[in-house]
Protein backbone atom coordinates (compact mmCIF):
# COMPACT_ATOMS: atom_id res chain seq x y z
CA PHE A 1 0.00 0.00 0.00
CA SER A 2 3.02 2.36 0.15
CA PHE A 3 2.48 3.43 -3.45
CA PHE A 4 -1.16 4.21 -2.71
CA PHE A 5 -0.28 6.28 0.33
CA PHE A 6 1.76 8.53 -1.97
CA LEU A 7 -1.24 8.88 -4.29
CA TRP A 8 -3.50 9.54 -1.31
CA ILE A 9 -1.21 12.36 -0.18
CA ILE A 10 -1.60 13.94 -3.63
CA MET A 11 -5.39 13.52 -3.43
CA PHE A 12 -5.42 15.10 0.04
CA TYR A 13 -3.34 18.01 -1.24
CA ILE A 14 -5.69 18.54 -4.19
CA GLU A 15 -8.61 18.66 -1.77
CA GLY A 16 -6.78 21.25 0.35
CA LEU A 17 -6.24 19.11 3.44
CA TYR A 18 -2.70 20.49 3.84
CA SER A 19 -3.97 24.07 3.82
CA LEU A 20 -4.67 25.92 7.06
CA HIS A 21 -8.18 26.86 6.00
CA THR A 22 -9.29 23.25 6.44
CA THR A 23 -8.95 23.67 10.20
CA ARG A 24 -12.48 25.11 9.91
CA LEU A 25 -14.62 22.20 11.06
CA LYS A 26 -17.54 23.14 8.82
CA SER A 27 -15.63 22.36 5.62
CA LEU A 28 -13.49 19.55 7.02
CA PRO A 29 -15.96 16.59 6.81
CA ILE A 30 -16.79 17.24 3.14
CA SER A 31 -13.11 17.68 2.25
CA LEU A 32 -12.12 14.50 4.07
CA LEU A 33 -14.90 12.39 2.54
CA ARG A 34 -14.22 13.71 -0.95
CA ALA A 35 -10.47 13.10 -0.68
CA LEU A 36 -10.93 9.60 0.72
CA GLY A 37 -13.58 8.80 -1.89
CA LEU A 38 -11.23 9.73 -4.72
CA SER A 39 -8.35 7.87 -3.10
CA VAL A 40 -10.37 4.69 -2.67
CA LEU A 41 -11.72 4.95 -6.21
CA VAL A 42 -8.20 5.19 -7.67
CA SER A 43 -7.12 2.22 -5.56
CA VAL A 44 -10.09 0.09 -6.63
CA ILE A 45 -9.43 0.85 -10.30
CA PHE A 46 -5.78 -0.12 -9.87
CA PHE A 47 -6.60 -3.42 -8.17
CA TYR A 48 -9.20 -4.16 -10.83
CA LEU A 49 -6.67 -3.59 -13.61
CA PHE A 50 -3.77 -5.29 -11.80
CA PRO A 51 -5.12 -8.00 -9.47
CA TYR A 52 -2.85 -8.92 -6.58
CA GLU A 53 -3.57 -12.33 -5.03
CA ARG A 54 -1.76 -11.93 -1.71
CA ILE A 55 -3.98 -9.23 -0.22
CA THR A 56 -7.70 -8.57 0.00
CA PRO A 57 -7.97 -4.96 -1.16
CA LYS A 58 -11.66 -4.49 -0.36
CA ARG A 59 -11.28 -5.23 3.34
CA ASN A 60 -7.98 -3.38 3.71
CA LEU A 61 -9.27 -0.35 1.82
CA ILE A 62 -12.29 -0.06 4.09
CA ILE A 63 -10.16 -0.41 7.23
CA ILE A 64 -7.49 2.06 6.09
CA ALA A 65 -10.05 4.60 4.86
CA GLY A 66 -11.93 4.41 8.17
CA ILE A 67 -8.77 4.79 10.25
CA SER A 68 -7.57 7.62 8.01
CA LEU A 69 -10.88 9.45 8.42
CA LEU A 70 -10.71 9.26 12.22
CA LEU A 71 -7.03 10.20 12.47
CA ASN A 72 -7.33 13.12 10.05
CA TRP A 73 -10.39 14.47 11.82
CA SER A 74 -8.64 14.18 15.18
CA TRP A 75 -5.42 15.79 13.95
CA HIS A 76 -7.16 18.73 12.27
CA THR A 77 -9.21 19.34 15.41
CA ILE A 78 -6.11 19.28 17.62
CA PHE A 79 -4.16 21.47 15.21
CA ARG A 80 -6.97 24.03 15.07
CA ASN A 81 -7.03 24.23 18.85
CA ILE A 82 -3.25 24.68 18.95
CA THR A 83 -3.08 27.42 16.30
CA THR A 84 -5.95 29.39 17.84
CA ALA A 85 -4.85 29.02 21.49
CA SER A 86 -3.93 32.41 22.93
CA LYS A 87 -0.51 31.31 24.22
CA PHE A 88 0.53 30.14 20.76
CA LEU A 89 -0.66 33.21 18.86
CA ILE A 90 1.93 35.50 17.24
CA ARG A 91 1.25 39.00 18.55
CA VAL A 92 1.54 41.61 15.79
CA THR A 93 2.04 45.37 15.89
CA LEU A 94 1.14 47.15 12.65
CA LEU A 95 3.04 50.36 11.99
CA GLY A 96 1.68 52.49 9.13
CA ASP A 97 -1.14 54.81 8.15
CA ASN A 98 -2.15 53.63 4.69
CA GLN A 99 -4.90 51.41 3.31
CA THR A 100 -2.73 48.28 3.39
CA VAL A 101 -2.86 48.26 7.20
CA SER A 102 -6.65 48.03 7.02
CA LEU A 103 -6.39 45.24 4.43
CA VAL A 104 -4.03 43.29 6.70
CA GLN A 105 -6.41 43.63 9.64
CA LYS A 106 -9.34 42.38 7.57
CA GLU A 107 -7.29 39.48 6.19
CA LEU A 108 -6.23 38.33 9.68
CA GLN A 109 -9.78 38.68 11.01
CA ARG A 110 -10.98 36.52 8.15
CA LYS A 111 -8.23 33.95 8.73
CA PRO A 112 -7.83 33.42 12.49
CA TYR A 113 -6.40 29.96 11.77
CA LEU A 114 -3.15 31.60 10.60
CA GLY A 115 -2.29 32.21 14.25
CA PHE A 116 -1.70 36.00 14.17
CA LEU A 117 -3.22 38.45 16.66
CA VAL A 118 -3.07 42.21 16.03
CA VAL A 119 -2.41 43.79 19.44
CA ARG A 120 -1.94 47.40 18.31
CA VAL A 121 -1.96 49.65 15.24
CA LEU A 122 0.35 52.70 15.25
CA ASP A 123 0.87 55.54 12.79
CA HIS A 124 4.28 56.75 14.06
CA ILE A 125 7.40 55.18 15.56
CA ASP A 126 7.39 57.20 18.81
CA ALA A 127 4.51 55.17 20.23
CA LEU A 128 6.20 51.83 19.50
CA THR A 129 6.89 49.53 22.44
CA ILE A 130 8.10 45.97 22.10
CA GLU A 131 6.35 44.57 25.16
CA GLU A 132 3.66 41.99 24.32
CA THR A 133 4.73 42.03 20.67
CA ASP A 134 6.34 39.20 18.70
CA LEU A 135 6.23 40.69 15.20
CA ILE A 136 6.45 44.33 14.07
CA VAL A 137 5.07 44.96 10.60
CA VAL A 138 6.11 48.29 9.05
CA GLY A 139 4.99 50.13 5.92
CA ARG A 140 7.51 50.55 3.09
CA GLN A 141 7.56 54.35 3.26
CA LEU A 142 8.11 54.39 7.02
CA MET A 143 10.96 51.90 6.68
CA ASN A 144 12.79 54.39 4.47
CA ASP A 145 12.67 56.99 7.25
CA PRO A 146 16.11 57.08 9.00
CA LYS A 147 14.46 57.61 12.40
CA VAL A 148 12.26 54.55 11.95
CA GLY A 149 15.15 52.52 10.57
CA ASN A 150 17.38 53.29 13.57
CA ARG A 151 14.61 52.37 16.01
CA LEU A 152 13.98 49.06 14.24
CA LEU A 153 17.71 48.26 14.24
CA GLN A 154 17.71 48.61 18.02
CA ILE A 155 14.92 46.02 18.24
CA LEU A 156 16.81 43.36 16.28
CA GLY A 157 18.32 40.67 18.49
CA GLN A 158 15.63 41.05 21.18
CA HIS A 159 13.61 38.02 20.01
CA LYS A 160 11.33 40.29 17.98
CA SER A 161 10.73 39.92 14.25
CA VAL A 162 10.44 42.85 11.85
CA MET A 163 8.71 42.58 8.49
CA GLU A 164 7.76 44.94 5.69
CA LEU A 165 3.99 45.49 5.41
CA GLY A 166 3.65 44.51 1.76
CA ASN A 167 5.61 41.28 2.25
CA PHE A 168 3.53 40.39 5.30
CA PHE A 169 0.28 40.94 3.40
CA GLU A 170 1.66 38.84 0.54
CA MET A 171 2.46 36.02 2.97
CA VAL A 172 -0.97 35.89 4.63
CA SER A 173 -3.08 36.53 1.52
CA GLY A 174 -1.19 35.07 -1.46
CA LYS A 175 -1.49 38.34 -3.40
CA ILE A 176 0.40 41.61 -3.88
CA PRO A 177 -1.19 44.75 -2.38
CA LEU A 178 -1.38 47.39 -5.11
CA ASN A 179 -1.06 50.14 -2.49
CA GLU A 180 2.50 48.97 -1.83
CA VAL A 181 3.52 48.69 -5.48
CA ASN A 182 5.48 51.25 -7.51
CA GLU A 183 8.13 51.23 -10.23
CA THR A 184 10.86 50.51 -7.68
CA TRP A 185 8.92 47.50 -6.40
CA PHE A 186 8.79 45.99 -9.88
CA LEU A 187 12.52 46.49 -10.34
CA ASP A 188 13.20 44.81 -7.00
CA ALA A 189 10.70 41.96 -7.42
CA CYS A 190 10.88 41.31 -11.16
CA GLY A 191 14.19 42.83 -12.22
CA ILE A 192 15.98 39.48 -12.18
CA GLN A 193 14.44 37.20 -14.79
CA THR A 194 13.67 33.55 -14.14
CA SER A 195 16.43 31.09 -14.97
CA LYS A 196 16.79 29.66 -18.46
CA SER A 197 16.49 26.16 -17.05
CA TYR A 198 13.06 27.04 -15.60
CA GLN A 199 11.90 28.47 -18.92
CA LEU A 200 13.23 25.44 -20.82
CA ILE A 201 11.55 22.95 -18.48
CA LYS A 202 8.30 24.93 -18.47
CA ASN A 203 8.19 25.22 -22.28
CA SER A 204 8.99 21.52 -22.73
CA PHE A 205 6.39 20.52 -20.15
CA ASP A 206 3.74 22.77 -21.71
CA LYS A 207 4.17 21.48 -25.24
CA SER A 208 4.51 17.82 -24.19
CA ILE A 209 1.37 17.87 -22.08
CA ALA A 210 -0.56 19.78 -24.76
CA LEU A 211 0.41 17.25 -27.46
CA VAL A 212 -0.53 14.27 -25.27
CA LEU A 213 -3.87 15.83 -24.31
CA LEU A 214 -4.68 16.69 -27.93
CA VAL A 215 -4.27 13.03 -28.85
CA LEU A 216 -6.28 11.82 -25.84
CA ILE A 217 -9.25 14.11 -26.50
CA ILE A 218 -9.77 12.92 -30.08
CA PRO A 219 -12.47 10.40 -28.95
CA LEU A 220 -14.11 13.17 -26.88
CA TYR A 221 -14.23 15.48 -29.89
CA ALA A 222 -15.70 12.66 -31.99
CA PHE A 223 -18.67 12.89 -29.62
CA LEU A 224 -18.72 16.64 -28.91
CA VAL A 225 -18.47 17.98 -32.48
CA PRO A 226 -21.61 16.22 -33.82
CA LEU A 227 -23.49 17.14 -30.62
CA LEU A 228 -22.58 20.81 -30.93
CA LEU A 229 -23.49 20.82 -34.64
CA ILE A 230 -26.94 19.44 -33.85
CA VAL A 231 -27.67 21.56 -30.78
CA SER A 232 -25.83 24.85 -31.37
CA GLY A 233 -25.00 24.80 -35.08
CA ARG A 234 -22.03 26.49 -36.67
CA PRO A 235 -19.48 27.75 -35.85
CA ILE A 236 -18.25 25.16 -33.35
CA PHE A 237 -15.01 26.95 -32.50
CA PHE A 238 -14.81 30.53 -31.32
CA GLY A 239 -11.74 32.70 -31.88
CA GLN A 240 -11.10 35.97 -30.07
CA ILE A 241 -8.16 38.39 -29.95
CA ARG A 242 -6.48 38.54 -26.53
CA THR A 243 -3.42 40.33 -25.17
CA GLY A 244 -0.46 38.05 -24.55
CA HIS A 245 3.17 38.18 -23.44
CA LEU A 246 4.60 41.74 -23.58
CA ASN A 247 1.24 43.06 -24.85
CA ARG A 248 1.42 41.06 -28.09
CA PRO A 249 -2.05 40.22 -29.47
CA PHE A 250 -2.95 36.64 -30.38
CA ARG A 251 -6.11 34.70 -31.19
CA ILE A 252 -7.38 32.43 -28.44
CA TRP A 253 -9.55 29.44 -29.33
CA LYS A 254 -12.51 27.99 -27.46
CA LEU A 255 -15.55 25.85 -28.11
CA ARG A 256 -18.44 28.26 -28.68
CA THR A 257 -20.67 28.43 -25.60
CA MET A 258 -22.77 31.49 -26.49
CA ILE A 259 -25.30 32.31 -29.17
CA VAL A 260 -24.04 33.65 -32.48
CA ASN A 261 -23.45 37.43 -32.46
CA ALA A 262 -23.46 37.46 -28.67
CA GLU A 263 -21.57 40.76 -28.67
CA LYS A 264 -23.48 42.65 -31.34
CA ASP A 265 -23.91 45.47 -28.79
CA GLY A 266 -20.19 45.62 -28.00
CA ALA A 267 -17.63 43.81 -25.82
CA GLN A 268 -18.86 42.80 -22.38
CA TRP A 269 -18.01 40.37 -19.59
CA ALA A 270 -19.95 37.16 -19.17
CA LYS A 271 -21.96 37.28 -15.94
CA PRO A 272 -23.66 34.64 -13.74
CA GLY A 273 -26.89 33.53 -15.39
CA ASP A 274 -25.88 35.17 -18.69
CA ALA A 275 -28.76 34.63 -21.15
CA ARG A 276 -26.31 34.49 -24.06
CA VAL A 277 -24.90 31.13 -22.88
CA THR A 278 -26.48 28.14 -24.60
CA THR A 279 -27.72 25.05 -22.77
CA VAL A 280 -24.77 22.95 -23.93
CA GLY A 281 -22.51 25.94 -23.31
CA LYS A 282 -23.39 25.92 -19.61
CA PHE A 283 -22.18 22.32 -19.38
CA LEU A 284 -19.01 23.08 -21.36
CA ARG A 285 -18.20 26.02 -19.08
CA MET A 286 -18.92 24.07 -15.90
CA THR A 287 -16.62 21.22 -16.95
CA ARG A 288 -14.06 23.59 -18.58
CA LEU A 289 -14.32 21.57 -21.80
CA ASP A 290 -14.70 24.83 -23.73
CA GLU A 291 -11.06 25.61 -22.87
CA LEU A 292 -9.63 22.50 -24.58
CA PRO A 293 -8.89 24.19 -27.96
CA GLN A 294 -6.39 26.39 -26.11
CA LEU A 295 -4.06 23.39 -26.20
CA TRP A 296 -3.30 24.59 -29.72
CA ASN A 297 -2.41 28.03 -28.35
CA ILE A 298 0.07 26.30 -26.02
CA ILE A 299 1.69 24.39 -28.88
CA THR A 300 2.08 27.57 -30.94
CA GLY A 301 3.71 29.29 -27.96
CA ASP A 302 1.07 31.98 -27.43
CA MET A 303 0.05 30.53 -24.08
CA SER A 304 1.32 28.37 -21.25
CA ILE A 305 -0.58 25.88 -19.13
CA VAL A 306 -0.06 28.11 -16.07
CA GLY A 307 -0.10 31.90 -16.17
CA PRO A 308 -2.44 34.90 -15.87
CA ARG A 309 -5.62 34.52 -17.94
CA PRO A 310 -5.38 36.70 -21.09
CA GLU A 311 -7.81 39.61 -21.36
CA ARG A 312 -9.25 41.34 -24.41
CA PRO A 313 -7.40 44.43 -25.73
CA GLU A 314 -10.55 46.57 -25.87
CA MET A 315 -11.33 45.77 -22.23
CA ILE A 316 -7.77 46.65 -21.21
CA GLU A 317 -7.72 49.92 -23.12
CA SER A 318 -11.18 51.18 -22.15
CA MET A 319 -11.74 49.91 -18.59
CA LEU A 320 -8.83 48.10 -16.97
CA ALA A 321 -5.56 49.95 -17.70
CA PRO A 322 -7.05 53.45 -17.08
CA ASN A 323 -8.57 52.41 -13.73
CA ILE A 324 -6.15 49.82 -12.35
CA PRO A 325 -2.50 50.85 -11.80
CA PHE A 326 0.19 48.61 -13.31
CA TYR A 327 -2.42 46.38 -14.95
CA GLU A 328 -0.29 45.75 -18.04
CA GLN A 329 2.58 44.42 -15.90
CA ARG A 330 0.74 41.10 -15.69
CA HIS A 331 1.89 40.63 -19.30
CA LEU A 332 5.49 40.19 -18.16
CA VAL A 333 4.81 36.43 -18.36
CA ARG A 334 2.95 34.35 -20.91
CA PRO A 335 -0.79 33.96 -20.27
CA GLY A 336 -2.08 30.58 -19.17
CA VAL A 337 -5.08 28.28 -19.31
CA THR A 338 -5.16 28.33 -15.51
CA GLY A 339 -3.43 30.58 -13.01
CA TRP A 340 -2.95 31.64 -9.39
CA ALA A 341 -5.93 34.01 -9.61
CA GLN A 342 -8.17 31.27 -11.01
CA VAL A 343 -7.49 28.86 -8.12
CA ASN A 344 -7.86 31.55 -5.45
CA PHE A 345 -10.67 33.78 -6.74
CA ARG A 346 -13.98 33.29 -8.49
CA TYR A 347 -14.75 34.15 -12.10
CA GLY A 348 -14.50 37.92 -12.52
CA PHE A 349 -17.03 40.09 -14.35
CA SER A 350 -16.23 43.65 -13.26
CA THR A 351 -13.37 46.13 -12.90
CA ASP A 352 -13.28 45.50 -9.13
CA ASP A 353 -12.93 41.75 -9.75
CA SER A 354 -10.13 42.42 -12.24
CA LEU A 355 -8.33 44.54 -9.63
CA GLU A 356 -8.56 41.69 -7.13
CA LYS A 357 -7.33 39.16 -9.67
CA LEU A 358 -4.44 41.42 -10.69
CA GLN A 359 -3.08 41.21 -7.14
CA TYR A 360 -2.97 37.41 -7.48
CA ASP A 361 -1.45 37.66 -10.97
CA LEU A 362 1.33 39.92 -9.69
CA TYR A 363 2.03 37.36 -6.96
CA TYR A 364 2.58 34.79 -9.71
CA VAL A 365 4.75 37.18 -11.76
CA LYS A 366 6.95 37.75 -8.71
CA ASN A 367 7.10 34.16 -7.42
CA GLN A 368 6.81 32.01 -10.55
CA SER A 369 8.54 28.66 -10.17
CA LEU A 370 8.03 25.00 -11.03
CA TRP A 371 6.74 24.33 -7.51
CA LEU A 372 4.16 27.12 -7.76
CA ASP A 373 3.12 25.86 -11.21
CA LEU A 374 2.63 22.36 -9.77
CA ARG A 375 0.56 23.73 -6.88
CA ILE A 376 -1.68 25.61 -9.30
CA LEU A 377 -2.16 22.54 -11.47
CA LEU A 378 -3.14 20.39 -8.47
CA LYS A 379 -5.56 23.06 -7.21
CA THR A 380 -7.04 23.32 -10.71
CA ILE A 381 -7.95 19.62 -10.59
CA LYS A 382 -10.23 20.28 -7.61
CA ILE A 383 -11.83 23.27 -9.34
CA VAL A 384 -12.58 21.19 -12.44
CA LEU A 385 -13.94 18.25 -10.42
CA THR A 386 -16.13 20.37 -8.13
CA GLY A 387 -17.18 22.98 -10.70
CA ALA A 388 -15.99 25.78 -8.40
CA GLY A 389 -15.25 29.31 -9.57
CA GLN A 390 -18.16 29.59 -11.98
């Protein structure tokens, strides 16, 4: 069973059982049952395809699944009690007077399981005391003040941690606060390009996976194409100009999910319950099957499997770039079929949603790596299976 335990760990990760948010007991039972159900299903399929005479998989699977359910429930309950116990909380002092301080407070109130407790909020260094404080979080502008810098240097070595406000918000939220971003930030965070080995591995992985999937979905298309012709008519595929790497335009391909001439009144976002979406289109969107033609965009090099979702040039020029600072900096990397914003935020259909998603996209631009790409892919599996993010 050692091989299956490794697969079960992957299933548990996909379900989010190694994320702190699952310490919330309301979501824990569903997550546990879903992860165990998938794990058992994979094991049963394996034993059906490759029978093994020396063990009785049915009985062992039931026993191990039951024990795993009890142990995981117990551990998550204990861990939640530990991380939220007052004596284990990390006491935080926030030093700053901008909007990011308020965002940090809201984020920590929404995520008590992270184990941080804000004990005081200050707007100047003179009121700072280190008693009953474990972590001092300071705004970028204040850190550049010599008086503040000297005071913080005196604190170092006294078992107190000091952290820049933007980096702290990034750590607890998984996104970059736009209030803390300027040209200097981009030079610091994105000035050094990713290694050539990362780019080579990523490109090879993208094209290999896309080619394999294109071959595997041929039987699916043999069923889908006639169905779409009968139900929705022509055209089956839908091409649209999007903005790609370094603002270069390219044509993205999808299976058509809306009525013909859906944008006769001009470009607009799709919204929940959009009347323009066909009956079959709702199913294609829910299962993400409408995104499959983008495998061709990956092969041609216009897209990657993981990256910020590409937006339409007219939307960028008229609504997004004029109202959202540094919006076009998300184009520093190739767009993707799935991304950090897609696995952390719902489908966006407004400028405010685009602003929120940009903060996640900038996090990816700053922290892109093979490990982050793998995490996004595993999280995407859950989104596809559960139909989340619609």
